[in-house]
Amino acid sequence: MSRTFAGPGRGSALCLALAAASAASGTPLAAQAPPSAPAPAAAPAKSVTLTLSQALRIALDQNPKVQQSLLAIAESGDDRRSAAAALMPQVGAQALGQRNKYNLDALMGMPQPNGPEVVGPFNWGQVGVEAQVSLFDLSLWKKWRAARHGEDAARAQGRAVREEVAGLVVGQYLRALRAAASVKAAESRIELAEALAQLAGNQQKEGVGTKLDSLRSQVQLQTERQRLIQAQTQRLTALAGLGRLLDLAPGTVIDLADSLAAPALPGAGLQEAYQAGLAQRPELAVLDARERAAANLRQAAQSQRLPTLTASGVIGSTTLQSQPWTHTYQVTLGVRVPLFTGGLISSQIARAKSEEARVQESRRDIRAQVGLEVQVAQAELEAGSHEVEVADLAVNLATEALSQARHRFEAGVSNNIEVINAQDELARANDNQISALYRLNQSRADLARATGQLEQTFAR
């Protein structure tokens, strides 16, 4: 067998050679090979502890979709102010200076007897203020009303976006709570599996149990550890999704302050919940505002067939070369009657009517959708409450069955097959209990979403 190994004699000779080389150069050995600088320590990950209401408030403050809806509201406000500006007087200041030279014959269209053919050059100037205002234009007034309703629609759409984001956050938080509860249950089952594996080993040592019992218990222990790994992975991914919705920095550690428990259930019946949904769903408020805006745009197009009355005026001072300034003014009052617009007004009216019809069909569809969502949420909520009761009873029975099987195995009455089966039954009962609690909480959130009260319910 061949192996390379440096013995003490060879190592000492190498050290003496290095020391001699260092002495000959006059440089210490440490100076020839300075130690490398330690790598900077990584910054610790930021950690936040959040309740569901806190997570919801953070999301509604920081989520990009919410910020985009705020920008849309601001833009609709600008449109309203632009429409209102058309009804206001327009005032401006002006200052003019000109140097002119005219052909008088060409200007008058005929030769001028005994007069000069050319006038000038001469300079003149004018300074003053000019104003213009629409005294009567019904179309401008209707367009301003339509812009106001457009702003109302944008605000209602902003509430719809907040409800959508709130639904995503509540659902993701509940999924994270479910994963955290699964991790806690898996850790508890691992402690139990370790104790039972230790019991099986002791029974084997005492001659009461067999090696097969020990192997079964070890297999069950590894199964529970695998379930724990899966639950931990689900919790990690659920928390990562929650951090994305909250617009937190990647890698932020989120601790959940709430736990998965049965919530207080609303007492409203189906019809009450349906009427609340029709009154509070922001999608219907958006359609109401859009319908009013379309009606005003249709009226604005029809009003373009009416006469319009405008007034304008200029007041100021004028001068000719070095002459004194003279105050002047001009007032104009005008009436405009449209006679032919090439079908423009008709097309605008048809477009507005089409928008009104589209809104009415959308409202009919959303009203039916609200009814469906309320019925489904009510049914799932009622079923979820009963399911939680059944799941709680199943966990109690499975726990008692495991205790009985464990006592029988400790007494040597049976092998640990009954214990392993009881452990599996308890694991299924725990999973069913966690799933039932999750579905009950999710159905409560679905009902709040169907009635347009999700933010109001969970952000308190």
Protein backbone atom coordinates (compact mmCIF):
# COMPACT_ATOMS: atom_id res chain seq x y z
CA MET A 1 0.00 0.00 0.00
CA SER A 2 1.56 3.30 -1.10
CA ARG A 3 0.86 6.54 0.87
CA THR A 4 2.78 9.85 0.92
CA PHE A 5 3.37 11.16 4.44
CA ALA A 6 5.86 13.90 5.62
CA GLY A 7 7.50 12.75 8.85
CA PRO A 8 8.84 14.99 11.63
CA GLY A 9 12.43 15.08 10.26
CA ARG A 10 11.35 16.27 6.82
CA GLY A 11 9.01 18.87 8.26
CA SER A 12 11.75 20.29 10.52
CA ALA A 13 14.16 20.64 7.59
CA LEU A 14 11.52 22.55 5.60
CA CYS A 15 10.93 24.96 8.50
CA LEU A 16 14.70 25.57 8.91
CA ALA A 17 15.05 26.32 5.20
CA LEU A 18 12.22 28.85 5.29
CA ALA A 19 13.67 30.52 8.38
CA ALA A 20 17.08 30.80 6.76
CA ALA A 21 15.64 32.37 3.64
CA SER A 22 13.77 34.88 5.75
CA ALA A 23 16.90 35.82 7.70
CA ALA A 24 18.92 36.27 4.53
CA SER A 25 16.42 38.69 3.05
CA GLY A 26 16.01 40.62 6.32
CA THR A 27 12.21 40.37 6.05
CA PRO A 28 10.14 38.56 8.66
CA LEU A 29 8.24 35.56 7.47
CA ALA A 30 4.94 37.13 8.54
CA ALA A 31 5.68 40.21 6.44
CA GLN A 32 6.29 38.09 3.34
CA ALA A 33 2.86 36.43 3.55
CA PRO A 34 0.34 38.82 5.11
CA PRO A 35 -2.92 37.19 6.16
CA SER A 36 -5.91 37.85 3.91
CA ALA A 37 -8.56 40.26 5.18
CA PRO A 38 -11.67 38.56 6.54
CA ALA A 39 -14.75 38.73 4.33
CA PRO A 40 -17.35 41.24 5.51
CA ALA A 41 -20.18 39.68 7.45
CA ALA A 42 -23.49 39.49 5.63
CA ALA A 43 -26.14 41.91 6.85
CA PRO A 44 -28.80 40.15 8.91
CA ALA A 45 -32.12 39.65 7.18
CA LYS A 46 -34.84 42.10 8.13
CA SER A 47 -37.61 40.59 10.24
CA VAL A 48 -41.19 41.81 10.67
CA THR A 49 -44.03 40.47 12.80
CA LEU A 50 -47.46 41.05 11.28
CA THR A 51 -51.06 40.46 12.16
CA LEU A 52 -53.55 40.09 9.35
CA SER A 53 -54.84 43.65 9.79
CA GLN A 54 -51.29 45.04 9.78
CA ALA A 55 -50.40 43.10 6.63
CA LEU A 56 -53.55 44.39 4.97
CA ARG A 57 -52.79 48.01 5.84
CA ILE A 58 -49.22 47.68 4.55
CA ALA A 59 -50.43 46.19 1.27
CA LEU A 60 -53.04 48.90 0.77
CA ASP A 61 -50.36 51.54 1.35
CA GLN A 62 -47.53 50.04 -0.71
CA ASN A 63 -48.95 47.68 -3.32
CA PRO A 64 -48.16 48.90 -6.88
CA LYS A 65 -51.71 48.25 -8.09
CA VAL A 66 -53.11 50.51 -5.39
CA GLN A 67 -50.61 53.24 -6.28
CA GLN A 68 -51.55 52.95 -9.96
CA SER A 69 -55.24 53.37 -9.07
CA LEU A 70 -54.37 56.54 -7.14
CA LEU A 71 -52.61 57.89 -10.22
CA ALA A 72 -55.71 57.09 -12.31
CA ILE A 73 -57.86 59.03 -9.83
CA ALA A 74 -55.51 62.00 -10.07
CA GLU A 75 -55.67 61.89 -13.87
CA SER A 76 -59.48 61.85 -13.81
CA GLY A 77 -59.38 64.90 -11.52
CA ASP A 78 -57.20 66.65 -14.08
CA ASP A 79 -59.76 65.80 -16.78
CA ARG A 80 -62.54 67.30 -14.64
CA ARG A 81 -60.58 70.51 -14.08
CA SER A 82 -59.82 70.72 -17.79
CA ALA A 83 -63.52 70.43 -18.60
CA ALA A 84 -64.36 73.08 -15.99
CA ALA A 85 -61.76 75.43 -17.47
CA ALA A 86 -63.76 75.59 -20.72
CA LEU A 87 -66.61 77.23 -18.76
CA MET A 88 -64.37 79.85 -17.16
CA PRO A 89 -63.30 83.18 -18.71
CA GLN A 90 -59.98 83.10 -20.51
CA VAL A 91 -57.93 86.25 -19.80
CA GLY A 92 -54.56 87.18 -21.25
CA ALA A 93 -52.29 90.18 -21.58
CA GLN A 94 -50.78 91.31 -24.85
CA ALA A 95 -48.24 93.84 -26.06
CA LEU A 96 -47.67 94.57 -29.75
CA GLY A 97 -45.23 96.72 -31.66
CA GLN A 98 -45.24 97.07 -35.46
CA ARG A 99 -43.49 99.03 -38.18
CA ASN A 100 -45.69 99.34 -41.29
CA LYS A 101 -45.49 100.66 -44.82
CA TYR A 102 -48.57 100.42 -47.06
CA ASN A 103 -49.39 100.89 -50.74
CA LEU A 104 -52.50 102.98 -50.32
CA ASP A 105 -53.80 102.37 -53.82
CA ALA A 106 -53.54 98.59 -53.35
CA LEU A 107 -55.01 98.82 -49.88
CA MET A 108 -58.06 100.81 -51.03
CA GLY A 109 -58.46 98.93 -54.26
CA MET A 110 -58.39 102.09 -56.41
CA PRO A 111 -56.04 104.95 -57.20
CA GLN A 112 -56.28 107.81 -54.73
CA PRO A 113 -56.52 111.26 -56.35
CA ASN A 114 -54.09 113.81 -55.02
CA GLY A 115 -52.91 111.37 -52.42
CA PRO A 116 -49.68 109.52 -51.87
CA GLU A 117 -49.47 106.06 -53.22
CA VAL A 118 -47.31 104.94 -50.24
CA VAL A 119 -48.01 105.52 -46.54
CA GLY A 120 -45.18 105.11 -44.05
CA PRO A 121 -43.05 103.72 -42.85
CA PHE A 122 -44.47 104.38 -39.39
CA ASN A 123 -44.39 102.68 -35.98
CA TRP A 124 -47.31 101.87 -33.72
CA GLY A 125 -47.81 99.91 -30.52
CA GLN A 126 -50.56 98.46 -28.38
CA VAL A 127 -50.72 97.04 -24.85
CA GLY A 128 -53.81 95.70 -23.15
CA VAL A 129 -55.81 92.83 -21.71
CA GLU A 130 -58.07 90.53 -23.70
CA ALA A 131 -60.78 88.20 -22.36
CA GLN A 132 -63.16 85.64 -23.80
CA VAL A 133 -66.01 83.75 -22.13
CA SER A 134 -68.76 81.40 -23.21
CA LEU A 135 -72.07 82.83 -22.10
CA PHE A 136 -74.19 79.91 -23.26
CA ASP A 137 -72.87 76.52 -24.42
CA LEU A 138 -74.84 73.62 -22.98
CA SER A 139 -72.46 71.02 -24.45
CA LEU A 140 -69.56 72.37 -22.36
CA TRP A 141 -71.67 72.12 -19.21
CA LYS A 142 -72.63 68.50 -19.99
CA LYS A 143 -69.02 67.57 -20.73
CA TRP A 144 -68.02 68.95 -17.33
CA ARG A 145 -70.77 66.84 -15.69
CA ALA A 146 -69.50 63.79 -17.59
CA ALA A 147 -65.94 64.46 -16.38
CA ARG A 148 -67.22 64.64 -12.79
CA HIS A 149 -68.88 61.24 -13.16
CA GLY A 150 -65.68 59.95 -14.77
CA GLU A 151 -63.81 60.95 -11.63
CA ASP A 152 -66.43 59.15 -9.54
CA ALA A 153 -65.88 56.05 -11.67
CA ALA A 154 -62.12 56.27 -11.12
CA ARG A 155 -62.61 56.51 -7.36
CA ALA A 156 -64.95 53.52 -7.38
CA GLN A 157 -62.42 51.62 -9.49
CA GLY A 158 -59.80 52.49 -6.89
CA ARG A 159 -61.99 50.91 -4.21
CA ALA A 160 -62.37 47.83 -6.42
CA VAL A 161 -58.58 47.57 -6.72
CA ARG A 162 -58.26 47.85 -2.93
CA GLU A 163 -60.80 45.05 -2.50
CA GLU A 164 -58.91 42.93 -5.03
CA VAL A 165 -55.57 43.47 -3.28
CA ALA A 166 -57.19 42.86 0.10
CA GLY A 167 -58.59 39.56 -1.17
CA LEU A 168 -55.14 38.46 -2.36
CA VAL A 169 -53.48 39.44 0.93
CA VAL A 170 -56.12 37.79 3.12
CA GLY A 171 -55.98 34.60 1.07
CA GLN A 172 -52.18 34.49 1.14
CA TYR A 173 -52.06 35.21 4.87
CA LEU A 174 -54.52 32.39 5.51
CA ARG A 175 -52.44 30.02 3.39
CA ALA A 176 -49.39 30.99 5.43
CA LEU A 177 -51.34 30.34 8.65
CA ARG A 178 -52.36 26.93 7.32
CA ALA A 179 -48.75 26.08 6.50
CA ALA A 180 -47.58 27.29 9.92
CA ALA A 181 -50.23 25.14 11.63
CA SER A 182 -49.09 22.15 9.56
CA VAL A 183 -45.50 22.74 10.67
CA LYS A 184 -46.55 22.92 14.31
CA ALA A 185 -48.60 19.74 14.04
CA ALA A 186 -45.75 17.94 12.25
CA GLU A 187 -43.27 18.97 14.95
CA SER A 188 -45.63 17.66 17.63
CA ARG A 189 -46.03 14.36 15.78
CA ILE A 190 -42.24 14.05 15.45
CA GLU A 191 -41.85 14.39 19.21
CA LEU A 192 -44.44 11.67 19.66
CA ALA A 193 -42.82 9.45 16.99
CA GLU A 194 -39.41 9.82 18.67
CA ALA A 195 -40.88 8.83 22.02
CA LEU A 196 -42.60 5.80 20.47
CA ALA A 197 -39.40 4.81 18.65
CA GLN A 198 -37.53 5.01 21.96
CA LEU A 199 -40.26 2.90 23.56
CA ALA A 200 -39.98 0.27 20.82
CA GLY A 201 -36.20 0.14 21.29
CA ASN A 202 -36.55 -0.31 25.03
CA GLN A 203 -39.16 -3.01 24.51
CA GLN A 204 -36.76 -4.83 22.19
CA LYS A 205 -33.91 -4.59 24.71
CA GLU A 206 -36.13 -6.00 27.44
CA GLY A 207 -37.21 -8.86 25.21
CA VAL A 208 -40.82 -7.78 25.18
CA GLY A 209 -40.77 -6.30 21.68
CA THR A 210 -39.18 -7.37 18.42
CA LYS A 211 -36.78 -5.73 16.00
CA LEU A 212 -39.63 -5.48 13.53
CA ASP A 213 -41.45 -3.21 15.98
CA SER A 214 -38.36 -0.98 16.19
CA LEU A 215 -38.08 -0.83 12.41
CA ARG A 216 -41.74 0.10 12.05
CA SER A 217 -41.37 2.93 14.56
CA GLN A 218 -38.24 4.23 12.82
CA VAL A 219 -40.00 4.20 9.45
CA GLN A 220 -42.90 6.13 10.97
CA LEU A 221 -40.45 8.65 12.46
CA GLN A 222 -38.85 9.26 9.07
CA THR A 223 -42.29 9.64 7.50
CA GLU A 224 -43.17 12.35 10.01
CA ARG A 225 -39.88 14.11 9.35
CA GLN A 226 -40.62 14.09 5.63
CA ARG A 227 -44.03 15.63 6.31
CA LEU A 228 -42.34 18.32 8.39
CA ILE A 229 -39.98 19.18 5.51
CA GLN A 230 -42.94 19.50 3.14
CA ALA A 231 -44.85 21.68 5.61
CA GLN A 232 -41.83 23.93 6.17
CA THR A 233 -41.41 24.37 2.41
CA GLN A 234 -45.08 25.29 2.03
CA ARG A 235 -44.76 27.82 4.84
CA LEU A 236 -41.66 29.36 3.26
CA THR A 237 -43.29 29.73 -0.16
CA ALA A 238 -46.51 31.11 1.36
CA LEU A 239 -44.57 33.74 3.30
CA ALA A 240 -42.58 34.64 0.18
CA GLY A 241 -45.83 35.21 -1.70
CA LEU A 242 -47.14 37.35 1.16
CA GLY A 243 -43.97 39.44 1.10
CA ARG A 244 -44.42 40.00 -2.64
CA LEU A 245 -47.97 41.28 -2.09
CA LEU A 246 -46.75 43.59 0.67
CA ASP A 247 -43.94 44.88 -1.57
CA LEU A 248 -41.31 43.89 1.01
CA ALA A 249 -37.65 43.41 0.14
CA PRO A 250 -36.79 39.85 -0.97
CA GLY A 251 -35.47 37.81 1.92
CA THR A 252 -37.47 39.64 4.58
CA VAL A 253 -38.38 37.24 7.38
CA ILE A 254 -42.10 37.42 8.17
CA ASP A 255 -43.44 36.18 11.48
CA LEU A 256 -47.19 35.67 11.72
CA ALA A 257 -48.71 37.10 14.89
CA ASP A 258 -52.10 35.44 14.32
CA SER A 259 -52.93 31.77 14.48
CA LEU A 260 -55.38 29.60 12.58
CA ALA A 261 -58.60 29.48 14.59
CA ALA A 262 -62.33 29.41 14.03
CA PRO A 263 -63.55 32.99 13.36
CA ALA A 264 -66.72 34.71 14.48
CA LEU A 265 -69.35 34.05 11.83
CA PRO A 266 -71.64 36.77 10.43
CA GLY A 267 -75.32 36.45 11.24
CA ALA A 268 -76.75 37.92 8.02
CA GLY A 269 -78.95 35.71 5.87
CA LEU A 270 -78.73 35.15 2.14
CA GLN A 271 -81.03 37.99 1.09
CA GLU A 272 -79.41 40.45 3.49
CA ALA A 273 -75.95 39.56 2.21
CA TYR A 274 -77.12 39.83 -1.41
CA GLN A 275 -78.62 43.28 -0.87
CA ALA A 276 -75.45 44.38 0.92
CA GLY A 277 -73.42 43.20 -2.05
CA LEU A 278 -75.58 45.16 -4.49
CA ALA A 279 -75.23 48.29 -2.36
CA GLN A 280 -71.51 48.09 -1.56
CA ARG A 281 -69.73 46.29 -4.38
CA PRO A 282 -67.40 48.87 -5.98
CA GLU A 283 -67.76 47.25 -9.40
CA LEU A 284 -71.43 48.27 -9.47
CA ALA A 285 -70.51 51.79 -8.31
CA VAL A 286 -68.08 52.00 -11.23
CA LEU A 287 -70.84 51.04 -13.67
CA ASP A 288 -73.29 53.54 -12.16
CA ALA A 289 -70.76 56.36 -12.59
CA ARG A 290 -69.91 55.24 -16.12
CA GLU A 291 -73.60 55.19 -17.06
CA ARG A 292 -74.12 58.73 -15.76
CA ALA A 293 -71.00 59.89 -17.61
CA ALA A 294 -72.24 58.30 -20.87
CA ALA A 295 -75.65 59.93 -20.45
CA ASN A 296 -74.04 63.35 -20.01
CA LEU A 297 -71.80 62.79 -23.05
CA ARG A 298 -74.88 61.90 -25.09
CA GLN A 299 -76.61 65.08 -23.91
CA ALA A 300 -73.45 67.06 -24.66
CA ALA A 301 -73.44 65.77 -28.22
CA GLN A 302 -77.12 66.62 -28.64
CA SER A 303 -76.51 70.11 -27.23
CA GLN A 304 -74.02 70.83 -30.01
CA ARG A 305 -77.03 71.39 -32.28
CA LEU A 306 -78.09 74.39 -30.17
CA PRO A 307 -76.82 77.94 -30.70
CA THR A 308 -73.85 79.09 -28.58
CA LEU A 309 -73.25 82.60 -27.29
CA THR A 310 -69.76 83.96 -26.67
CA ALA A 311 -68.37 87.33 -25.61
CA SER A 312 -64.87 88.71 -25.99
CA GLY A 313 -63.23 92.03 -25.37
CA VAL A 314 -59.92 93.88 -25.49
CA ILE A 315 -59.03 96.95 -23.45
CA GLY A 316 -55.71 98.71 -23.61
CA SER A 317 -53.75 101.61 -25.02
CA THR A 318 -52.39 102.34 -28.48
CA THR A 319 -49.92 104.86 -29.83
CA LEU A 320 -48.52 105.99 -33.18
CA GLN A 321 -44.76 106.65 -33.18
CA SER A 322 -44.12 109.35 -30.57
CA GLN A 323 -47.76 110.30 -30.06
CA PRO A 324 -49.38 110.03 -26.62
CA TRP A 325 -50.93 106.70 -25.62
CA THR A 326 -54.69 106.54 -26.11
CA HIS A 327 -57.06 104.23 -24.24
CA THR A 328 -59.00 101.90 -26.55
CA TYR A 329 -61.35 98.95 -26.18
CA GLN A 330 -63.28 96.51 -28.26
CA VAL A 331 -66.25 94.34 -27.17
CA THR A 332 -67.60 91.49 -29.29
CA LEU A 333 -70.75 89.47 -28.77
CA GLY A 334 -71.23 86.51 -31.09
CA VAL A 335 -73.82 83.81 -31.75
CA ARG A 336 -72.92 80.58 -33.52
CA VAL A 337 -75.54 78.24 -35.00
CA PRO A 338 -74.33 74.89 -36.43
CA LEU A 339 -75.89 74.14 -39.80
CA PHE A 340 -73.90 71.15 -41.08
CA THR A 341 -71.36 69.04 -39.13
CA GLY A 342 -70.83 66.17 -41.54
CA GLY A 343 -72.44 63.59 -39.22
CA LEU A 344 -70.10 64.35 -36.30
CA ILE A 345 -72.91 64.98 -33.80
CA SER A 346 -74.83 61.86 -34.84
CA SER A 347 -71.76 59.67 -34.46
CA GLN A 348 -71.05 61.06 -31.00
CA ILE A 349 -74.63 60.43 -29.91
CA ALA A 350 -74.51 56.86 -31.22
CA ARG A 351 -71.22 56.22 -29.43
CA ALA A 352 -72.62 57.47 -26.12
CA LYS A 353 -75.76 55.32 -26.51
CA SER A 354 -73.57 52.29 -27.21
CA GLU A 355 -71.62 52.95 -24.01
CA GLU A 356 -74.87 53.18 -22.02
CA ALA A 357 -76.04 49.85 -23.44
CA ARG A 358 -72.68 48.23 -22.69
CA VAL A 359 -72.82 49.44 -19.09
CA GLN A 360 -76.33 48.08 -18.62
CA GLU A 361 -75.28 44.64 -19.85
CA SER A 362 -72.21 44.68 -17.60
CA ARG A 363 -74.37 45.63 -14.62
CA ARG A 364 -76.73 42.74 -15.30
CA ASP A 365 -73.77 40.35 -15.46
CA ILE A 366 -72.18 41.63 -12.24
CA ARG A 367 -75.47 41.54 -10.33
CA ALA A 368 -75.81 37.87 -11.27
CA GLN A 369 -72.17 37.26 -10.31
CA VAL A 370 -72.74 38.89 -6.91
CA GLY A 371 -75.72 36.60 -6.31
CA LEU A 372 -73.65 33.53 -7.22
CA GLU A 373 -70.69 34.55 -5.04
CA VAL A 374 -72.93 35.25 -2.05
CA GLN A 375 -74.72 31.91 -2.37
CA VAL A 376 -71.48 29.94 -2.74
CA ALA A 377 -69.81 31.75 0.16
CA GLN A 378 -72.83 31.24 2.41
CA ALA A 379 -72.96 27.52 1.57
CA GLU A 380 -69.23 27.07 2.14
CA LEU A 381 -69.40 29.03 5.38
CA GLU A 382 -72.19 26.87 6.75
CA ALA A 383 -70.48 23.68 5.63
CA GLY A 384 -67.14 24.88 7.02
CA SER A 385 -68.54 25.48 10.49
CA HIS A 386 -69.91 21.90 10.63
CA GLU A 387 -66.71 20.53 9.13
CA VAL A 388 -64.63 22.14 11.87
CA GLU A 389 -66.82 20.53 14.53
CA VAL A 390 -66.39 17.12 12.91
CA ALA A 391 -62.64 17.61 12.48
CA ASP A 392 -62.19 18.62 16.13
CA LEU A 393 -64.04 15.49 17.24
CA ALA A 394 -61.93 13.35 14.89
CA VAL A 395 -58.70 14.75 16.37
CA ASN A 396 -59.90 13.97 19.90
CA LEU A 397 -60.87 10.43 18.92
CA ALA A 398 -57.58 9.85 17.05
CA THR A 399 -55.60 11.14 20.04
CA GLU A 400 -57.48 8.82 22.38
CA ALA A 401 -57.02 5.87 19.99
CA LEU A 402 -53.26 6.51 19.87
CA SER A 403 -53.11 6.67 23.65
CA GLN A 404 -54.94 3.34 23.92
CA ALA A 405 -52.67 1.69 21.34
CA ARG A 406 -49.59 3.02 23.11
CA HIS A 407 -50.72 1.64 26.47
CA ARG A 408 -51.42 -1.77 24.89
CA PHE A 409 -47.94 -1.79 23.33
CA GLU A 410 -46.29 -0.75 26.60
CA ALA A 411 -48.12 -3.56 28.39
CA GLY A 412 -46.93 -6.09 25.80
CA VAL A 413 -50.49 -7.01 24.84
CA SER A 414 -49.93 -6.20 21.13
CA ASN A 415 -47.21 -5.17 18.73
CA ASN A 416 -46.83 -1.61 17.50
CA ILE A 417 -48.87 -2.06 14.31
CA GLU A 418 -51.81 -0.57 16.16
CA VAL A 419 -49.59 2.33 17.27
CA ILE A 420 -48.39 3.00 13.73
CA ASN A 421 -51.97 2.91 12.41
CA ALA A 422 -53.07 5.25 15.20
CA GLN A 423 -50.25 7.66 14.33
CA ASP A 424 -51.37 7.73 10.69
CA GLU A 425 -54.95 8.34 11.75
CA LEU A 426 -53.87 11.20 13.99
CA ALA A 427 -51.82 12.75 11.17
CA ARG A 428 -54.84 12.61 8.84
CA ALA A 429 -57.09 14.04 11.54
CA ASN A 430 -54.66 16.91 12.14
CA ASP A 431 -54.47 17.66 8.44
CA ASN A 432 -58.25 17.55 8.12
CA GLN A 433 -58.65 19.88 11.11
CA ILE A 434 -56.18 22.39 9.66
CA SER A 435 -57.84 22.22 6.24
CA ALA A 436 -61.29 22.68 7.78
CA LEU A 437 -60.18 25.75 9.72
CA TYR A 438 -58.55 27.18 6.61
CA ARG A 439 -61.67 26.64 4.49
CA LEU A 440 -63.87 28.20 7.18
CA ASN A 441 -61.70 31.33 7.35
CA GLN A 442 -61.44 31.51 3.55
CA SER A 443 -65.21 31.18 3.12
CA ARG A 444 -65.68 34.03 5.62
CA ALA A 445 -63.28 36.13 3.52
CA ASP A 446 -65.13 35.12 0.34
CA LEU A 447 -68.43 36.26 1.83
CA ALA A 448 -66.92 39.60 2.84
CA ARG A 449 -65.53 39.96 -0.69
CA ALA A 450 -68.90 39.10 -2.24
CA THR A 451 -70.63 41.80 -0.17
CA GLY A 452 -67.93 44.42 -0.81
CA GLN A 453 -66.81 44.53 2.84
CA LEU A 454 -63.45 42.75 2.73
CA GLU A 455 -61.28 45.72 3.64
CA GLN A 456 -63.78 46.90 6.22
CA THR A 457 -63.89 43.45 7.84
CA PHE A 458 -60.18 42.58 8.02
CA ALA A 459 -58.38 45.94 8.17
CA ARG A 460 -59.81 46.86 11.59
